[in-house]
């Protein structure tokens, strides 16, 4: 009888508890390795350093007149790509390309919460441009352009392979944005 009573007390204590509460929604914590940069010196009219986490440069596409080419820097583990477009310029086309680059960034304004621009100047390597950070559920979180103002013009944009959800891709967007800044800082024109 004593054992039965003790067993009943234990069962009652175990079965009594709080009501189940659903877990709040949360996102995975994503930690990325410290970047290690390597120089890219392909058959491009410029050199730069890229993160070793990114694949080798892929899909170099050249226009028929050899004045425009496209380059992809892919991050397979992050599911994102930096698309670079290089154009050979002259003084007449420079302003048009700058306006085009600014307009492409502004197309994301309808979905963006904010667009922050950060000027970039490297007198030593003759690299001048602008980096745009796009906050919100826009298709691209980072875009940039750089030029030497005489012969070369390069634009870049970051895109992920997922539907934009700013909160969930923010760590990846910040990580790759730092790589974009590094590309801009290490860029050197050939010729």
C-alpha atoms as a PDB file:
ATOM      1  CA  UNK A   1       0.000   0.000   0.000  1.00  0.00           C
ATOM      2  CA  UNK A   2       2.827   2.358   0.895  1.00  0.00           C
ATOM      3  CA  UNK A   3       4.541   1.564  -2.409  1.00  0.00           C
ATOM      4  CA  UNK A   4       1.338   2.141  -4.308  1.00  0.00           C
ATOM      5  CA  UNK A   5       0.808   5.486  -2.591  1.00  0.00           C
ATOM      6  CA  UNK A   6       4.412   6.501  -3.293  1.00  0.00           C
ATOM      7  CA  UNK A   7       4.029   5.496  -6.939  1.00  0.00           C
ATOM      8  CA  UNK A   8       0.807   7.512  -7.212  1.00  0.00           C
ATOM      9  CA  UNK A   9       2.513  10.617  -5.756  1.00  0.00           C
ATOM     10  CA  UNK A  10       5.427  10.265  -8.186  1.00  0.00           C
ATOM     11  CA  UNK A  11       3.074   9.870 -11.161  1.00  0.00           C
ATOM     12  CA  UNK A  12       1.093  12.938 -10.087  1.00  0.00           C
ATOM     13  CA  UNK A  13       4.245  15.016  -9.683  1.00  0.00           C
ATOM     14  CA  UNK A  14       5.561  13.988 -13.076  1.00  0.00           C
ATOM     15  CA  UNK A  15       2.270  14.486 -14.869  1.00  0.00           C
ATOM     16  CA  UNK A  16       1.683  17.917 -13.386  1.00  0.00           C
ATOM     17  CA  UNK A  17       3.397  20.619 -15.304  1.00  0.00           C
ATOM     18  CA  UNK A  18       2.858  23.786 -17.225  1.00  0.00           C
ATOM     19  CA  UNK A  19       0.822  23.993 -20.375  1.00  0.00           C
ATOM     20  CA  UNK A  20       2.828  23.526 -23.564  1.00  0.00           C
ATOM     21  CA  UNK A  21       3.969  26.796 -25.111  1.00  0.00           C
ATOM     22  CA  UNK A  22       4.900  27.048 -28.804  1.00  0.00           C
ATOM     23  CA  UNK A  23       8.471  28.083 -29.521  1.00  0.00           C
ATOM     24  CA  UNK A  24       8.917  31.552 -30.988  1.00  0.00           C
ATOM     25  CA  UNK A  25      10.006  31.860 -34.601  1.00  0.00           C
ATOM     26  CA  UNK A  26      13.740  32.254 -34.977  1.00  0.00           C
ATOM     27  CA  UNK A  27      16.436  32.101 -37.607  1.00  0.00           C
ATOM     28  CA  UNK A  28      19.546  29.981 -37.617  1.00  0.00           C
ATOM     29  CA  UNK A  29      22.686  31.606 -36.337  1.00  0.00           C
ATOM     30  CA  UNK A  30      25.082  31.564 -39.257  1.00  0.00           C
ATOM     31  CA  UNK A  31      28.782  31.860 -38.558  1.00  0.00           C
ATOM     32  CA  UNK A  32      31.167  32.081 -41.472  1.00  0.00           C
ATOM     33  CA  UNK A  33      34.914  31.442 -41.458  1.00  0.00           C
ATOM     34  CA  UNK A  34      37.340  34.325 -41.279  1.00  0.00           C
ATOM     35  CA  UNK A  35      37.976  35.311 -44.909  1.00  0.00           C
ATOM     36  CA  UNK A  36      41.220  34.331 -46.563  1.00  0.00           C
ATOM     37  CA  UNK A  37      41.821  36.290 -49.746  1.00  0.00           C
ATOM     38  CA  UNK A  38      43.618  35.170 -52.877  1.00  0.00           C
ATOM     39  CA  UNK A  39      44.535  37.241 -55.930  1.00  0.00           C
ATOM     40  CA  UNK A  40      42.568  36.772 -59.136  1.00  0.00           C
ATOM     41  CA  UNK A  41      44.699  37.510 -62.181  1.00  0.00           C
ATOM     42  CA  UNK A  42      42.838  35.903 -65.103  1.00  0.00           C
ATOM     43  CA  UNK A  43      42.500  37.216 -68.637  1.00  0.00           C
ATOM     44  CA  UNK A  44      40.631  40.189 -67.214  1.00  0.00           C
ATOM     45  CA  UNK A  45      41.542  43.858 -67.669  1.00  0.00           C
ATOM     46  CA  UNK A  46      41.868  44.119 -63.875  1.00  0.00           C
ATOM     47  CA  UNK A  47      43.108  42.133 -60.876  1.00  0.00           C
ATOM     48  CA  UNK A  48      41.584  41.860 -57.408  1.00  0.00           C
ATOM     49  CA  UNK A  49      41.487  39.599 -54.359  1.00  0.00           C
ATOM     50  CA  UNK A  50      38.546  37.306 -53.666  1.00  0.00           C
ATOM     51  CA  UNK A  51      37.564  35.221 -50.670  1.00  0.00           C
ATOM     52  CA  UNK A  52      38.792  31.618 -50.904  1.00  0.00           C
ATOM     53  CA  UNK A  53      35.286  30.550 -49.758  1.00  0.00           C
ATOM     54  CA  UNK A  54      34.035  31.645 -53.184  1.00  0.00           C
ATOM     55  CA  UNK A  55      34.489  29.387 -56.188  1.00  0.00           C
ATOM     56  CA  UNK A  56      37.008  30.266 -58.841  1.00  0.00           C
ATOM     57  CA  UNK A  57      35.885  32.881 -61.279  1.00  0.00           C
ATOM     58  CA  UNK A  58      33.256  31.386 -63.552  1.00  0.00           C
ATOM     59  CA  UNK A  59      31.333  32.168 -66.704  1.00  0.00           C
ATOM     60  CA  UNK A  60      33.422  34.908 -68.232  1.00  0.00           C
ATOM     61  CA  UNK A  61      31.185  36.186 -71.011  1.00  0.00           C
ATOM     62  CA  UNK A  62      32.522  38.583 -73.606  1.00  0.00           C
ATOM     63  CA  UNK A  63      30.511  40.777 -75.958  1.00  0.00           C
ATOM     64  CA  UNK A  64      31.053  40.622 -79.705  1.00  0.00           C
ATOM     65  CA  UNK A  65      32.983  43.900 -79.736  1.00  0.00           C
ATOM     66  CA  UNK A  66      35.196  42.813 -76.786  1.00  0.00           C
ATOM     67  CA  UNK A  67      34.279  45.986 -74.876  1.00  0.00           C
ATOM     68  CA  UNK A  68      32.028  44.319 -72.280  1.00  0.00           C
ATOM     69  CA  UNK A  69      32.510  41.185 -70.241  1.00  0.00           C
ATOM     70  CA  UNK A  70      30.690  39.502 -67.381  1.00  0.00           C
ATOM     71  CA  UNK A  71      32.199  37.563 -64.488  1.00  0.00           C
ATOM     72  CA  UNK A  72      30.561  35.531 -61.710  1.00  0.00           C
ATOM     73  CA  UNK A  73      32.017  34.989 -58.231  1.00  0.00           C
ATOM     74  CA  UNK A  74      29.905  32.218 -56.694  1.00  0.00           C
ATOM     75  CA  UNK A  75      29.543  31.316 -53.012  1.00  0.00           C
ATOM     76  CA  UNK A  76      28.013  27.815 -53.136  1.00  0.00           C
ATOM     77  CA  UNK A  77      27.779  27.346 -49.353  1.00  0.00           C
ATOM     78  CA  UNK A  78      26.084  30.721 -48.905  1.00  0.00           C
ATOM     79  CA  UNK A  79      23.987  30.374 -52.075  1.00  0.00           C
ATOM     80  CA  UNK A  80      24.927  33.743 -53.446  1.00  0.00           C
ATOM     81  CA  UNK A  81      26.793  35.232 -56.396  1.00  0.00           C
ATOM     82  CA  UNK A  82      28.539  38.511 -57.081  1.00  0.00           C
ATOM     83  CA  UNK A  83      27.951  39.416 -60.733  1.00  0.00           C
ATOM     84  CA  UNK A  84      30.621  41.691 -62.206  1.00  0.00           C
ATOM     85  CA  UNK A  85      30.228  43.553 -65.494  1.00  0.00           C
ATOM     86  CA  UNK A  86      33.251  45.254 -67.024  1.00  0.00           C
ATOM     87  CA  UNK A  87      33.005  47.849 -69.788  1.00  0.00           C
ATOM     88  CA  UNK A  88      35.724  49.571 -71.754  1.00  0.00           C
ATOM     89  CA  UNK A  89      34.856  53.262 -71.749  1.00  0.00           C
ATOM     90  CA  UNK A  90      35.713  56.588 -73.252  1.00  0.00           C
ATOM     91  CA  UNK A  91      35.046  60.053 -71.872  1.00  0.00           C
ATOM     92  CA  UNK A  92      31.689  60.257 -73.681  1.00  0.00           C
ATOM     93  CA  UNK A  93      30.321  57.020 -72.188  1.00  0.00           C
ATOM     94  CA  UNK A  94      31.504  57.410 -68.580  1.00  0.00           C
ATOM     95  CA  UNK A  95      28.634  59.591 -67.385  1.00  0.00           C
ATOM     96  CA  UNK A  96      26.054  57.335 -69.066  1.00  0.00           C
ATOM     97  CA  UNK A  97      27.481  54.234 -67.336  1.00  0.00           C
ATOM     98  CA  UNK A  98      27.505  55.945 -63.937  1.00  0.00           C
ATOM     99  CA  UNK A  99      23.859  56.995 -64.367  1.00  0.00           C
ATOM    100  CA  UNK A 100      22.942  53.466 -65.497  1.00  0.00           C
ATOM    101  CA  UNK A 101      24.630  51.961 -62.399  1.00  0.00           C
ATOM    102  CA  UNK A 102      22.782  54.401 -60.123  1.00  0.00           C
ATOM    103  CA  UNK A 103      19.466  53.665 -61.852  1.00  0.00           C
ATOM    104  CA  UNK A 104      19.899  49.911 -61.446  1.00  0.00           C
ATOM    105  CA  UNK A 105      20.333  50.413 -57.710  1.00  0.00           C
ATOM    106  CA  UNK A 106      17.265  52.652 -57.574  1.00  0.00           C
ATOM    107  CA  UNK A 107      15.109  49.923 -59.160  1.00  0.00           C
ATOM    108  CA  UNK A 108      15.343  48.171 -55.777  1.00  0.00           C
ATOM    109  CA  UNK A 109      13.959  51.222 -53.948  1.00  0.00           C
ATOM    110  CA  UNK A 110      10.359  49.956 -54.120  1.00  0.00           C
ATOM    111  CA  UNK A 111      11.262  46.867 -52.032  1.00  0.00           C
ATOM    112  CA  UNK A 112      14.073  48.405 -49.973  1.00  0.00           C
ATOM    113  CA  UNK A 113      13.718  49.931 -46.530  1.00  0.00           C
ATOM    114  CA  UNK A 114      16.788  52.093 -47.156  1.00  0.00           C
ATOM    115  CA  UNK A 115      19.642  52.485 -49.613  1.00  0.00           C
ATOM    116  CA  UNK A 116      22.928  53.704 -48.175  1.00  0.00           C
ATOM    117  CA  UNK A 117      25.720  54.873 -50.434  1.00  0.00           C
ATOM    118  CA  UNK A 118      29.378  54.936 -49.509  1.00  0.00           C
ATOM    119  CA  UNK A 119      31.880  56.693 -51.799  1.00  0.00           C
ATOM    120  CA  UNK A 120      35.128  54.888 -52.543  1.00  0.00           C
ATOM    121  CA  UNK A 121      38.424  56.524 -53.579  1.00  0.00           C
ATOM    122  CA  UNK A 122      41.812  54.872 -54.060  1.00  0.00           C
ATOM    123  CA  UNK A 123      44.116  57.467 -55.620  1.00  0.00           C
ATOM    124  CA  UNK A 124      47.109  55.105 -55.746  1.00  0.00           C
ATOM    125  CA  UNK A 125      45.357  52.547 -57.989  1.00  0.00           C
ATOM    126  CA  UNK A 126      43.080  55.080 -59.760  1.00  0.00           C
ATOM    127  CA  UNK A 127      39.902  53.391 -58.519  1.00  0.00           C
ATOM    128  CA  UNK A 128      36.909  55.629 -57.802  1.00  0.00           C
ATOM    129  CA  UNK A 129      33.349  54.577 -57.211  1.00  0.00           C
ATOM    130  CA  UNK A 130      30.380  53.968 -54.977  1.00  0.00           C
ATOM    131  CA  UNK A 131      29.139  51.093 -52.817  1.00  0.00           C
ATOM    132  CA  UNK A 132      25.393  50.792 -52.211  1.00  0.00           C
ATOM    133  CA  UNK A 133      23.897  48.832 -49.312  1.00  0.00           C
ATOM    134  CA  UNK A 134      20.245  47.949 -49.826  1.00  0.00           C
ATOM    135  CA  UNK A 135      18.300  47.195 -46.627  1.00  0.00           C
ATOM    136  CA  UNK A 136      15.046  45.257 -46.825  1.00  0.00           C
ATOM    137  CA  UNK A 137      13.567  42.511 -48.976  1.00  0.00           C
ATOM    138  CA  UNK A 138      15.156  43.713 -52.210  1.00  0.00           C
ATOM    139  CA  UNK A 139      16.593  41.336 -54.791  1.00  0.00           C
ATOM    140  CA  UNK A 140      20.165  42.613 -54.289  1.00  0.00           C
ATOM    141  CA  UNK A 141      21.623  43.707 -50.934  1.00  0.00           C
ATOM    142  CA  UNK A 142      24.884  45.193 -52.235  1.00  0.00           C
ATOM    143  CA  UNK A 143      25.811  46.908 -55.479  1.00  0.00           C
ATOM    144  CA  UNK A 144      28.792  48.944 -56.561  1.00  0.00           C
ATOM    145  CA  UNK A 145      30.610  50.564 -59.424  1.00  0.00           C
ATOM    146  CA  UNK A 146      34.249  51.590 -59.824  1.00  0.00           C
ATOM    147  CA  UNK A 147      36.121  53.325 -62.621  1.00  0.00           C
ATOM    148  CA  UNK A 148      39.428  54.958 -63.439  1.00  0.00           C
ATOM    149  CA  UNK A 149      37.422  57.680 -65.258  1.00  0.00           C
ATOM    150  CA  UNK A 150      39.389  57.113 -68.467  1.00  0.00           C
ATOM    151  CA  UNK A 151      39.350  53.520 -69.765  1.00  0.00           C
ATOM    152  CA  UNK A 152      37.679  51.144 -67.306  1.00  0.00           C
ATOM    153  CA  UNK A 153      34.245  50.777 -65.678  1.00  0.00           C
ATOM    154  CA  UNK A 154      33.199  47.867 -63.441  1.00  0.00           C
ATOM    155  CA  UNK A 155      29.839  47.259 -61.782  1.00  0.00           C
ATOM    156  CA  UNK A 156      28.950  44.523 -59.338  1.00  0.00           C
ATOM    157  CA  UNK A 157      25.807  43.218 -57.664  1.00  0.00           C
ATOM    158  CA  UNK A 158      25.168  40.559 -55.055  1.00  0.00           C
ATOM    159  CA  UNK A 159      22.228  38.178 -55.552  1.00  0.00           C
ATOM    160  CA  UNK A 160      21.126  35.166 -53.520  1.00  0.00           C
ATOM    161  CA  UNK A 161      19.409  32.040 -54.903  1.00  0.00           C
ATOM    162  CA  UNK A 162      16.473  32.436 -52.517  1.00  0.00           C
ATOM    163  CA  UNK A 163      13.400  34.604 -52.225  1.00  0.00           C
ATOM    164  CA  UNK A 164      14.504  37.777 -50.416  1.00  0.00           C
ATOM    165  CA  UNK A 165      13.876  37.612 -46.679  1.00  0.00           C
ATOM    166  CA  UNK A 166      16.109  40.307 -45.245  1.00  0.00           C
ATOM    167  CA  UNK A 167      16.213  38.974 -41.690  1.00  0.00           C
ATOM    168  CA  UNK A 168      17.340  35.502 -42.710  1.00  0.00           C
ATOM    169  CA  UNK A 169      19.953  36.509 -45.312  1.00  0.00           C
ATOM    170  CA  UNK A 170      21.375  39.469 -43.364  1.00  0.00           C
ATOM    171  CA  UNK A 171      24.399  37.566 -41.938  1.00  0.00           C
ATOM    172  CA  UNK A 172      25.317  36.254 -45.398  1.00  0.00           C
ATOM    173  CA  UNK A 173      24.717  39.663 -46.997  1.00  0.00           C
ATOM    174  CA  UNK A 174      27.003  41.340 -44.450  1.00  0.00           C
ATOM    175  CA  UNK A 175      29.704  38.703 -44.931  1.00  0.00           C
ATOM    176  CA  UNK A 176      29.711  39.066 -48.716  1.00  0.00           C
ATOM    177  CA  UNK A 177      29.430  42.873 -48.509  1.00  0.00           C
ATOM    178  CA  UNK A 178      32.769  42.824 -46.671  1.00  0.00           C
ATOM    179  CA  UNK A 179      34.171  40.757 -49.545  1.00  0.00           C
ATOM    180  CA  UNK A 180      32.825  43.318 -52.021  1.00  0.00           C
ATOM    181  CA  UNK A 181      34.588  46.072 -50.105  1.00  0.00           C
ATOM    182  CA  UNK A 182      37.769  44.006 -50.246  1.00  0.00           C
ATOM    183  CA  UNK A 183      37.382  43.558 -54.002  1.00  0.00           C
ATOM    184  CA  UNK A 184      37.068  47.328 -54.381  1.00  0.00           C
ATOM    185  CA  UNK A 185      40.079  47.972 -52.118  1.00  0.00           C
ATOM    186  CA  UNK A 186      42.366  45.503 -53.931  1.00  0.00           C
ATOM    187  CA  UNK A 187      41.222  46.210 -57.505  1.00  0.00           C
ATOM    188  CA  UNK A 188      43.991  47.237 -59.915  1.00  0.00           C
ATOM    189  CA  UNK A 189      43.518  48.073 -63.587  1.00  0.00           C
ATOM    190  CA  UNK A 190      45.787  46.519 -66.183  1.00  0.00           C
ATOM    191  CA  UNK A 191      47.327  48.874 -68.824  1.00  0.00           C
END
